[in-house]
Each structure stands twice: as C-alpha cells, then as structure tokens.
Amino acid sequence: MNLIGKVAQTAATLWILDVWFLRFNKDTGYRGGNATNMKEEFADYGISERSMCAVGATKVTLASMMLAGHLARSGSRAPRYSDVPGGRTPW
C-alpha cells in the first residue's frame, strides 16, 4: 500500500480511538442535537446505551486491528497456493 493510504488509515484509526476514549464524555461542536457527551448523543438519536456500547466496541476493535496491521511486518503474510513447492498444500 502506498504511503498516502497508510497515513490516511492511521489518521482515521487515531481519530476513532480519540473520539471513543478521550472525547467520550466531552462536549464537542460535532455532537448531534443538544448532546454534551456520547451517551446523550446516542439518546438524542433514539439509540440505546447497549447499542452505543456495541458500536463503540466494534469501532475500537476494528480500528485497533487496522493499526496492528500497519505495525506488523510488511513481509508477513499467509502462504498462497502458488508458494508451496509443487503447488500442493502441505495438508
């Protein structure tokens, strides 16, 4: 992947983590309705607290996985069928 793509994905990851960990209970100009924190914002949209937790957990997990993918060695990948000598899988 090119450098611009990695920078953009890393920035998106850090932004997601920032919103869900550092700005969760803070008032920002981006909150919907009259909300002053994340719980109030989800409530303003009629979404339950349980759903908010599920959305947050999903976003944080996927963002962390994306960041971990960038930190992993770029040469590490699962072997392809064509990588195995003779073109046969070992199992």
Protein backbone atom coordinates (compact mmCIF):
# COMPACT_ATOMS: atom_id res chain seq x y z
CA MET A 1 0.00 0.00 0.00
CA ASN A 2 1.30 3.42 -0.77
CA LEU A 3 2.37 5.92 1.85
CA ILE A 4 -0.68 8.18 1.46
CA GLY A 5 -3.03 5.25 2.10
CA LYS A 6 -1.15 4.19 5.23
CA VAL A 7 -1.11 7.74 6.57
CA ALA A 8 -4.85 8.16 5.90
CA GLN A 9 -5.71 4.84 7.56
CA THR A 10 -3.51 5.61 10.56
CA ALA A 11 -5.11 9.04 10.92
CA ALA A 12 -8.61 7.51 10.76
CA THR A 13 -7.63 4.93 13.36
CA LEU A 14 -6.26 7.54 15.76
CA TRP A 15 -9.32 9.73 15.24
CA ILE A 16 -11.69 6.86 16.09
CA LEU A 17 -9.71 5.96 19.21
CA ASP A 18 -9.59 9.64 20.25
CA VAL A 19 -13.37 10.01 19.94
CA TRP A 20 -14.19 6.85 21.88
CA PHE A 21 -11.55 7.19 24.61
CA LEU A 22 -10.60 10.84 25.07
CA ARG A 23 -13.72 12.73 23.93
CA PHE A 24 -16.39 10.30 25.07
CA ASN A 25 -17.63 12.48 27.96
CA LYS A 26 -16.70 15.84 26.44
CA ASP A 27 -18.83 18.39 24.68
CA THR A 28 -17.69 18.99 21.11
CA GLY A 29 -19.06 21.02 18.25
CA TYR A 30 -19.82 17.81 16.38
CA ARG A 31 -22.41 16.36 18.78
CA GLY A 32 -25.91 15.99 17.41
CA GLY A 33 -28.89 17.75 18.93
CA ASN A 34 -28.24 19.24 22.36
CA ALA A 35 -25.94 16.43 23.43
CA THR A 36 -22.91 17.21 25.57
CA ASN A 37 -21.41 13.71 25.55
CA MET A 38 -21.58 10.45 23.62
CA LYS A 39 -24.37 8.89 25.71
CA GLU A 40 -26.61 11.91 25.24
CA GLU A 41 -25.88 11.99 21.52
CA PHE A 42 -26.95 8.37 21.05
CA ALA A 43 -30.02 9.02 23.21
CA ASP A 44 -30.92 12.05 21.05
CA TYR A 45 -30.91 9.77 18.03
CA GLY A 46 -33.07 7.21 19.85
CA ILE A 47 -30.32 4.60 20.11
CA SER A 48 -30.00 2.59 23.33
CA GLU A 49 -26.97 2.66 25.59
CA ARG A 50 -26.46 -1.03 24.89
CA SER A 51 -26.26 -0.34 21.15
CA MET A 52 -23.87 2.54 21.83
CA CYS A 53 -21.55 0.14 23.66
CA ALA A 54 -21.74 -2.35 20.80
CA VAL A 55 -20.97 0.34 18.23
CA GLY A 56 -18.06 1.63 20.32
CA ALA A 57 -16.61 -1.81 20.91
CA THR A 58 -16.85 -2.63 17.20
CA LYS A 59 -15.23 0.63 16.12
CA VAL A 60 -12.41 0.40 18.67
CA THR A 61 -11.74 -3.26 17.81
CA LEU A 62 -11.62 -2.67 14.06
CA ALA A 63 -9.53 0.49 14.44
CA SER A 64 -7.07 -1.37 16.66
CA MET A 65 -6.85 -4.21 14.15
CA MET A 66 -6.15 -1.73 11.36
CA LEU A 67 -3.38 -0.11 13.41
CA ALA A 68 -1.94 -3.52 14.29
CA GLY A 69 -1.90 -4.38 10.61
CA HIS A 70 0.30 -1.36 9.93
CA LEU A 71 2.66 -2.27 12.74
CA ALA A 72 3.02 -5.88 11.62
CA ARG A 73 5.94 -6.72 9.40
CA SER A 74 5.06 -5.86 5.84
CA GLY A 75 6.55 -9.15 4.62
CA SER A 76 4.37 -11.32 6.84
CA ARG A 77 1.50 -12.94 5.01
CA ALA A 78 -0.12 -16.32 4.77
CA PRO A 79 1.38 -18.59 2.12
CA ARG A 80 -0.53 -18.82 -1.12
CA TYR A 81 -1.18 -21.99 -3.05
CA SER A 82 1.48 -21.00 -5.58
CA ASP A 83 4.08 -20.53 -2.80
CA VAL A 84 4.11 -24.20 -1.83
CA PRO A 85 6.69 -26.32 -3.69
CA GLY A 86 4.95 -28.41 -6.32
CA GLY A 87 1.81 -26.31 -5.98
CA ARG A 88 0.37 -28.64 -3.35
CA THR A 89 -0.77 -27.69 0.10
CA PRO A 90 1.02 -29.44 2.98
CA TRP A 91 -2.22 -30.71 4.48
